[in-house]
Amino acid sequence: NEHTVRAEVKSLHAFSAHADRKDLLGFVHNMEKPPQNIFLVHGEERQTAALADGLREGGTTATIDIPALGDRFELGS
């Protein structure tokens, strides 16, 4: 099946692959255009949940998901 892809790829050269919590929170909260959805897919369950809490406490309006293996999501409208 063919699908139309309406996405763009951006390279971020400002962070290493191992940004800490402060860096990740700062990155999201300082985005020019806040994301609508955030998927946290890396890390231990407790730390990932804590990062989601930090994002919410910081005022993000994005939907935050911590997907399990096999979860599916529909993006866009």
PDB file of N, CA and C in Angstrom:
ATOM      1  N   ASN A   1       0.823  -1.189   0.000  1.00  0.00           N
ATOM      2  CA  ASN A   1       0.000   0.000   0.000  1.00  0.00           C
ATOM      3  C   ASN A   1       0.863   1.247   0.000  1.00  0.00           C
ATOM      4  N   GLU A   2       0.449   2.228  -0.734  1.00  0.00           N
ATOM      5  CA  GLU A   2       1.157   3.498  -0.751  1.00  0.00           C
ATOM      6  C   GLU A   2       0.431   4.489   0.146  1.00  0.00           C
ATOM      7  N   HIS A   3       1.205   5.341   0.815  1.00  0.00           N
ATOM      8  CA  HIS A   3       0.661   6.363   1.704  1.00  0.00           C
ATOM      9  C   HIS A   3       1.330   7.688   1.404  1.00  0.00           C
ATOM     10  N   THR A   4       0.575   8.747   1.484  1.00  0.00           N
ATOM     11  CA  THR A   4       1.138  10.080   1.345  1.00  0.00           C
ATOM     12  C   THR A   4       1.783  10.461   2.671  1.00  0.00           C
ATOM     13  N   VAL A   5       3.037  10.846   2.632  1.00  0.00           N
ATOM     14  CA  VAL A   5       3.748  11.249   3.844  1.00  0.00           C
ATOM     15  C   VAL A   5       3.805  12.760   3.883  1.00  0.00           C
ATOM     16  N   ARG A   6       3.218  13.338   4.918  1.00  0.00           N
ATOM     17  CA  ARG A   6       3.233  14.787   5.083  1.00  0.00           C
ATOM     18  C   ARG A   6       4.031  15.100   6.342  1.00  0.00           C
ATOM     19  N   ALA A   7       5.307  14.883   6.253  1.00  0.00           N
ATOM     20  CA  ALA A   7       6.194  15.114   7.395  1.00  0.00           C
ATOM     21  C   ALA A   7       7.500  15.675   6.860  1.00  0.00           C
ATOM     22  N   GLU A   8       8.243  16.248   7.743  1.00  0.00           N
ATOM     23  CA  GLU A   8       9.563  16.695   7.348  1.00  0.00           C
ATOM     24  C   GLU A   8      10.561  16.202   8.392  1.00  0.00           C
ATOM     25  N   VAL A   9      11.764  15.966   7.958  1.00  0.00           N
ATOM     26  CA  VAL A   9      12.820  15.483   8.837  1.00  0.00           C
ATOM     27  C   VAL A   9      13.743  16.642   9.141  1.00  0.00           C
ATOM     28  N   LYS A  10      14.032  16.825  10.423  1.00  0.00           N
ATOM     29  CA  LYS A  10      14.967  17.870  10.821  1.00  0.00           C
ATOM     30  C   LYS A  10      16.084  17.236  11.631  1.00  0.00           C
ATOM     31  N   SER A  11      17.281  17.722  11.426  1.00  0.00           N
ATOM     32  CA  SER A  11      18.414  17.269  12.218  1.00  0.00           C
ATOM     33  C   SER A  11      18.677  18.286  13.309  1.00  0.00           C
ATOM     34  N   LEU A  12      18.798  17.801  14.518  1.00  0.00           N
ATOM     35  CA  LEU A  12      19.091  18.672  15.654  1.00  0.00           C
ATOM     36  C   LEU A  12      20.536  18.421  16.064  1.00  0.00           C
ATOM     37  N   HIS A  13      21.358  19.419  15.902  1.00  0.00           N
ATOM     38  CA  HIS A  13      22.766  19.265  16.218  1.00  0.00           C
ATOM     39  C   HIS A  13      23.105  19.838  17.584  1.00  0.00           C
ATOM     40  N   ALA A  14      22.081  20.223  18.355  1.00  0.00           N
ATOM     41  CA  ALA A  14      22.312  20.888  19.629  1.00  0.00           C
ATOM     42  C   ALA A  14      22.403  19.917  20.792  1.00  0.00           C
ATOM     43  N   PHE A  15      21.924  18.675  20.625  1.00  0.00           N
ATOM     44  CA  PHE A  15      21.895  17.751  21.740  1.00  0.00           C
ATOM     45  C   PHE A  15      22.588  16.449  21.388  1.00  0.00           C
ATOM     46  N   SER A  16      23.164  15.823  22.398  1.00  0.00           N
ATOM     47  CA  SER A  16      23.703  14.490  22.198  1.00  0.00           C
ATOM     48  C   SER A  16      22.541  13.506  22.252  1.00  0.00           C
ATOM     49  N   ALA A  17      22.827  12.269  21.989  1.00  0.00           N
ATOM     50  CA  ALA A  17      21.786  11.247  22.060  1.00  0.00           C
ATOM     51  C   ALA A  17      21.361  10.997  23.503  1.00  0.00           C
ATOM     52  N   HIS A  18      22.084  11.553  24.442  1.00  0.00           N
ATOM     53  CA  HIS A  18      21.803  11.306  25.856  1.00  0.00           C
ATOM     54  C   HIS A  18      21.571  12.612  26.603  1.00  0.00           C
ATOM     55  N   ALA A  19      20.642  13.396  26.121  1.00  0.00           N
ATOM     56  CA  ALA A  19      20.303  14.641  26.817  1.00  0.00           C
ATOM     57  C   ALA A  19      19.685  14.288  28.167  1.00  0.00           C
ATOM     58  N   ASP A  20      19.952  15.114  29.166  1.00  0.00           N
ATOM     59  CA  ASP A  20      19.370  14.832  30.475  1.00  0.00           C
ATOM     60  C   ASP A  20      17.978  15.441  30.581  1.00  0.00           C
ATOM     61  N   ARG A  21      17.305  15.184  31.697  1.00  0.00           N
ATOM     62  CA  ARG A  21      15.933  15.632  31.914  1.00  0.00           C
ATOM     63  C   ARG A  21      15.801  17.141  31.723  1.00  0.00           C
ATOM     64  N   LYS A  22      16.715  17.893  32.312  1.00  0.00           N
ATOM     65  CA  LYS A  22      16.668  19.359  32.222  1.00  0.00           C
ATOM     66  C   LYS A  22      16.756  19.812  30.765  1.00  0.00           C
ATOM     67  N   ASP A  23      17.669  19.207  30.014  1.00  0.00           N
ATOM     68  CA  ASP A  23      17.819  19.556  28.592  1.00  0.00           C
ATOM     69  C   ASP A  23      16.556  19.237  27.804  1.00  0.00           C
ATOM     70  N   LEU A  24      15.977  18.059  28.057  1.00  0.00           N
ATOM     71  CA  LEU A  24      14.783  17.657  27.317  1.00  0.00           C
ATOM     72  C   LEU A  24      13.590  18.553  27.651  1.00  0.00           C
ATOM     73  N   LEU A  25      13.400  18.852  28.939  1.00  0.00           N
ATOM     74  CA  LEU A  25      12.304  19.741  29.332  1.00  0.00           C
ATOM     75  C   LEU A  25      12.496  21.128  28.728  1.00  0.00           C
ATOM     76  N   GLY A  26      13.718  21.648  28.805  1.00  0.00           N
ATOM     77  CA  GLY A  26      14.011  22.964  28.245  1.00  0.00           C
ATOM     78  C   GLY A  26      13.787  23.004  26.743  1.00  0.00           C
ATOM     79  N   PHE A  27      14.188  21.945  26.061  1.00  0.00           N
ATOM     80  CA  PHE A  27      14.014  21.883  24.613  1.00  0.00           C
ATOM     81  C   PHE A  27      12.536  21.982  24.244  1.00  0.00           C
ATOM     82  N   VAL A  28      11.697  21.180  24.897  1.00  0.00           N
ATOM     83  CA  VAL A  28      10.264  21.185  24.577  1.00  0.00           C
ATOM     84  C   VAL A  28       9.626  22.510  24.955  1.00  0.00           C
ATOM     85  N   HIS A  29       9.939  23.024  26.127  1.00  0.00           N
ATOM     86  CA  HIS A  29       9.282  24.250  26.590  1.00  0.00           C
ATOM     87  C   HIS A  29       9.733  25.497  25.833  1.00  0.00           C
ATOM     88  N   ASN A  30      10.865  25.408  25.146  1.00  0.00           N
ATOM     89  CA  ASN A  30      11.360  26.561  24.396  1.00  0.00           C
ATOM     90  C   ASN A  30      11.136  26.436  22.889  1.00  0.00           C
ATOM     91  N   MET A  31      10.368  25.455  22.475  1.00  0.00           N
ATOM     92  CA  MET A  31      10.101  25.287  21.048  1.00  0.00           C
ATOM     93  C   MET A  31       9.265  26.457  20.542  1.00  0.00           C
ATOM     94  N   GLU A  32       9.609  26.928  19.368  1.00  0.00           N
ATOM     95  CA  GLU A  32       8.877  28.033  18.757  1.00  0.00           C
ATOM     96  C   GLU A  32       7.417  27.647  18.499  1.00  0.00           C
ATOM     97  N   LYS A  33       7.216  26.439  17.987  1.00  0.00           N
ATOM     98  CA  LYS A  33       5.866  25.909  17.753  1.00  0.00           C
ATOM     99  C   LYS A  33       5.746  24.631  18.584  1.00  0.00           C
ATOM    100  N   PRO A  34       4.994  24.682  19.676  1.00  0.00           N
ATOM    101  CA  PRO A  34       4.892  23.503  20.548  1.00  0.00           C
ATOM    102  C   PRO A  34       4.295  22.298  19.816  1.00  0.00           C
ATOM    103  N   PRO A  35       4.745  21.101  20.152  1.00  0.00           N
ATOM    104  CA  PRO A  35       4.200  19.905  19.505  1.00  0.00           C
ATOM    105  C   PRO A  35       2.789  19.613  19.979  1.00  0.00           C
ATOM    106  N   GLN A  36       2.035  18.931  19.144  1.00  0.00           N
ATOM    107  CA  GLN A  36       0.690  18.490  19.522  1.00  0.00           C
ATOM    108  C   GLN A  36       0.746  17.148  20.238  1.00  0.00           C
ATOM    109  N   ASN A  37       1.719  16.319  19.864  1.00  0.00           N
ATOM    110  CA  ASN A  37       1.870  14.989  20.436  1.00  0.00           C
ATOM    111  C   ASN A  37       3.329  14.772  20.809  1.00  0.00           C
ATOM    112  N   ILE A  38       3.541  14.121  21.935  1.00  0.00           N
ATOM    113  CA  ILE A  38       4.887  13.722  22.345  1.00  0.00           C
ATOM    114  C   ILE A  38       4.821  12.234  22.686  1.00  0.00           C
ATOM    115  N   PHE A  39       5.720  11.461  22.092  1.00  0.00           N
ATOM    116  CA  PHE A  39       5.812  10.035  22.371  1.00  0.00           C
ATOM    117  C   PHE A  39       7.136   9.774  23.077  1.00  0.00           C
ATOM    118  N   LEU A  40       7.064   9.253  24.280  1.00  0.00           N
ATOM    119  CA  LEU A  40       8.271   8.922  25.046  1.00  0.00           C
ATOM    120  C   LEU A  40       8.507   7.429  24.875  1.00  0.00           C
ATOM    121  N   VAL A  41       9.574   7.083  24.167  1.00  0.00           N
ATOM    122  CA  VAL A  41       9.777   5.690  23.760  1.00  0.00           C
ATOM    123  C   VAL A  41      11.109   5.112  24.230  1.00  0.00           C
ATOM    124  N   HIS A  42      11.808   5.838  25.069  1.00  0.00           N
ATOM    125  CA  HIS A  42      13.130   5.364  25.482  1.00  0.00           C
ATOM    126  C   HIS A  42      13.296   5.582  26.978  1.00  0.00           C
ATOM    127  N   GLY A  43      13.789   4.592  27.655  1.00  0.00           N
ATOM    128  CA  GLY A  43      14.072   4.737  29.072  1.00  0.00           C
ATOM    129  C   GLY A  43      13.255   3.788  29.929  1.00  0.00           C
ATOM    130  N   GLU A  44      13.625   3.725  31.188  1.00  0.00           N
ATOM    131  CA  GLU A  44      12.913   2.863  32.125  1.00  0.00           C
ATOM    132  C   GLU A  44      11.559   3.468  32.457  1.00  0.00           C
ATOM    133  N   GLU A  45      10.613   2.616  32.800  1.00  0.00           N
ATOM    134  CA  GLU A  45       9.223   3.038  32.992  1.00  0.00           C
ATOM    135  C   GLU A  45       9.090   4.183  34.001  1.00  0.00           C
ATOM    136  N   ARG A  46       9.743   4.073  35.138  1.00  0.00           N
ATOM    137  CA  ARG A  46       9.626   5.100  36.177  1.00  0.00           C
ATOM    138  C   ARG A  46      10.173   6.441  35.709  1.00  0.00           C
ATOM    139  N   GLN A  47      11.319   6.436  35.062  1.00  0.00           N
ATOM    140  CA  GLN A  47      11.923   7.679  34.582  1.00  0.00           C
ATOM    141  C   GLN A  47      11.134   8.279  33.434  1.00  0.00           C
ATOM    142  N   THR A  48      10.592   7.442  32.580  1.00  0.00           N
ATOM    143  CA  THR A  48       9.792   7.937  31.466  1.00  0.00           C
ATOM    144  C   THR A  48       8.519   8.603  31.987  1.00  0.00           C
ATOM    145  N   ALA A  49       7.879   7.973  32.982  1.00  0.00           N
ATOM    146  CA  ALA A  49       6.678   8.557  33.590  1.00  0.00           C
ATOM    147  C   ALA A  49       7.011   9.877  34.275  1.00  0.00           C
ATOM    148  N   ALA A  50       8.175   9.951  34.920  1.00  0.00           N
ATOM    149  CA  ALA A  50       8.594  11.192  35.585  1.00  0.00           C
ATOM    150  C   ALA A  50       8.836  12.303  34.560  1.00  0.00           C
ATOM    151  N   LEU A  51       9.400  11.958  33.413  1.00  0.00           N
ATOM    152  CA  LEU A  51       9.606  12.948  32.364  1.00  0.00           C
ATOM    153  C   LEU A  51       8.256  13.445  31.841  1.00  0.00           C
ATOM    154  N   ALA A  52       7.305  12.546  31.655  1.00  0.00           N
ATOM    155  CA  ALA A  52       5.961  12.953  31.221  1.00  0.00           C
ATOM    156  C   ALA A  52       5.354  13.913  32.245  1.00  0.00           C
ATOM    157  N   ASP A  53       5.503  13.605  33.530  1.00  0.00           N
ATOM    158  CA  ASP A  53       4.993  14.492  34.586  1.00  0.00           C
ATOM    159  C   ASP A  53       5.661  15.860  34.518  1.00  0.00           C
ATOM    160  N   GLY A  54       6.966  15.881  34.296  1.00  0.00           N
ATOM    161  CA  GLY A  54       7.699  17.140  34.192  1.00  0.00           C
ATOM    162  C   GLY A  54       7.230  17.983  33.023  1.00  0.00           C
ATOM    163  N   LEU A  55       6.938  17.345  31.916  1.00  0.00           N
ATOM    164  CA  LEU A  55       6.424  18.062  30.745  1.00  0.00           C
ATOM    165  C   LEU A  55       5.065  18.678  31.057  1.00  0.00           C
ATOM    166  N   ARG A  56       4.199  17.890  31.697  1.00  0.00           N
ATOM    167  CA  ARG A  56       2.862  18.398  32.051  1.00  0.00           C
ATOM    168  C   ARG A  56       2.959  19.535  33.061  1.00  0.00           C
ATOM    169  N   GLU A  57       3.800  19.367  34.066  1.00  0.00           N
ATOM    170  CA  GLU A  57       3.964  20.400  35.099  1.00  0.00           C
ATOM    171  C   GLU A  57       4.528  21.684  34.502  1.00  0.00           C
ATOM    172  N   GLY A  58       5.317  21.554  33.444  1.00  0.00           N
ATOM    173  CA  GLY A  58       5.887  22.712  32.774  1.00  0.00           C
ATOM    174  C   GLY A  58       4.907  23.426  31.876  1.00  0.00           C
ATOM    175  N   GLY A  59       3.711  22.874  31.749  1.00  0.00           N
ATOM    176  CA  GLY A  59       2.674  23.566  30.992  1.00  0.00           C
ATOM    177  C   GLY A  59       2.477  23.107  29.562  1.00  0.00           C
ATOM    178  N   THR A  60       3.109  22.025  29.152  1.00  0.00           N
ATOM    179  CA  THR A  60       2.889  21.585  27.777  1.00  0.00           C
ATOM    180  C   THR A  60       1.426  21.216  27.575  1.00  0.00           C
ATOM    181  N   THR A  61       0.905  21.543  26.425  1.00  0.00           N
ATOM    182  CA  THR A  61      -0.468  21.195  26.087  1.00  0.00           C
ATOM    183  C   THR A  61      -0.517  19.984  25.160  1.00  0.00           C
ATOM    184  N   ALA A  62       0.651  19.434  24.874  1.00  0.00           N
ATOM    185  CA  ALA A  62       0.734  18.275  23.984  1.00  0.00           C
ATOM    186  C   ALA A  62       0.120  17.049  24.655  1.00  0.00           C
ATOM    187  N   THR A  63      -0.399  16.163  23.834  1.00  0.00           N
ATOM    188  CA  THR A  63      -0.798  14.845  24.310  1.00  0.00           C
ATOM    189  C   THR A  63       0.485  14.045  24.477  1.00  0.00           C
ATOM    190  N   ILE A  64       0.702  13.492  25.664  1.00  0.00           N
ATOM    191  CA  ILE A  64       1.921  12.738  25.938  1.00  0.00           C
ATOM    192  C   ILE A  64       1.559  11.265  26.071  1.00  0.00           C
ATOM    193  N   ASP A  65       2.208  10.425  25.270  1.00  0.00           N
ATOM    194  CA  ASP A  65       1.977   8.986  25.309  1.00  0.00           C
ATOM    195  C   ASP A  65       3.275   8.253  25.571  1.00  0.00           C
ATOM    196  N   ILE A  66       3.157   7.163  26.307  1.00  0.00           N
ATOM    197  CA  ILE A  66       4.277   6.252  26.533  1.00  0.00           C
ATOM    198  C   ILE A  66       3.828   4.919  25.933  1.00  0.00           C
ATOM    199  N   PRO A  67       4.097   4.719  24.644  1.00  0.00           N
ATOM    200  CA  PRO A  67       3.564   3.546  23.954  1.00  0.00           C
ATOM    201  C   PRO A  67       4.190   2.239  24.440  1.00  0.00           C
ATOM    202  N   ALA A  68       3.376   1.206  24.410  1.00  0.00           N
ATOM    203  CA  ALA A  68       3.854  -0.154  24.646  1.00  0.00           C
ATOM    204  C   ALA A  68       4.110  -0.789  23.283  1.00  0.00           C
ATOM    205  N   LEU A  69       4.887  -1.845  23.270  1.00  0.00           N
ATOM    206  CA  LEU A  69       5.193  -2.550  22.033  1.00  0.00           C
ATOM    207  C   LEU A  69       3.891  -2.936  21.330  1.00  0.00           C
ATOM    208  N   GLY A  70       3.777  -2.560  20.080  1.00  0.00           N
ATOM    209  CA  GLY A  70       2.612  -2.898  19.283  1.00  0.00           C
ATOM    210  C   GLY A  70       1.515  -1.854  19.278  1.00  0.00           C
ATOM    211  N   ASP A  71       1.616  -0.830  20.136  1.00  0.00           N
ATOM    212  CA  ASP A  71       0.609   0.236  20.126  1.00  0.00           C
ATOM    213  C   ASP A  71       0.625   0.947  18.780  1.00  0.00           C
ATOM    214  N   ARG A  72      -0.530   1.432  18.373  1.00  0.00           N
ATOM    215  CA  ARG A  72      -0.661   2.182  17.124  1.00  0.00           C
ATOM    216  C   ARG A  72      -1.355   3.491  17.415  1.00  0.00           C
ATOM    217  N   PHE A  73      -0.987   4.513  16.675  1.00  0.00           N
ATOM    218  CA  PHE A  73      -1.555   5.841  16.855  1.00  0.00           C
ATOM    219  C   PHE A  73      -1.859   6.433  15.496  1.00  0.00           C
ATOM    220  N   GLU A  74      -2.947   7.159  15.404  1.00  0.00           N
ATOM    221  CA  GLU A  74      -3.273   7.890  14.188  1.00  0.00           C
ATOM    222  C   GLU A  74      -2.926   9.351  14.430  1.00  0.00           C
ATOM    223  N   LEU A  75      -2.127   9.901  13.559  1.00  0.00           N
ATOM    224  CA  LEU A  75      -1.701  11.294  13.684  1.00  0.00           C
ATOM    225  C   LEU A  75      -2.347  12.138  12.611  1.00  0.00           C
ATOM    226  N   GLY A  76      -2.556  13.390  12.920  1.00  0.00           N
ATOM    227  CA  GLY A  76      -3.113  14.314  11.937  1.00  0.00           C
ATOM    228  C   GLY A  76      -4.621  14.214  11.877  1.00  0.00           C
ATOM    229  N   SER A  77      -5.161  14.976  10.951  1.00  0.00           N
ATOM    230  CA  SER A  77      -6.623  14.964  10.824  1.00  0.00           C
ATOM    231  C   SER A  77      -7.047  14.646   9.428  1.00  0.00           C
TER     232      SER A  77
END
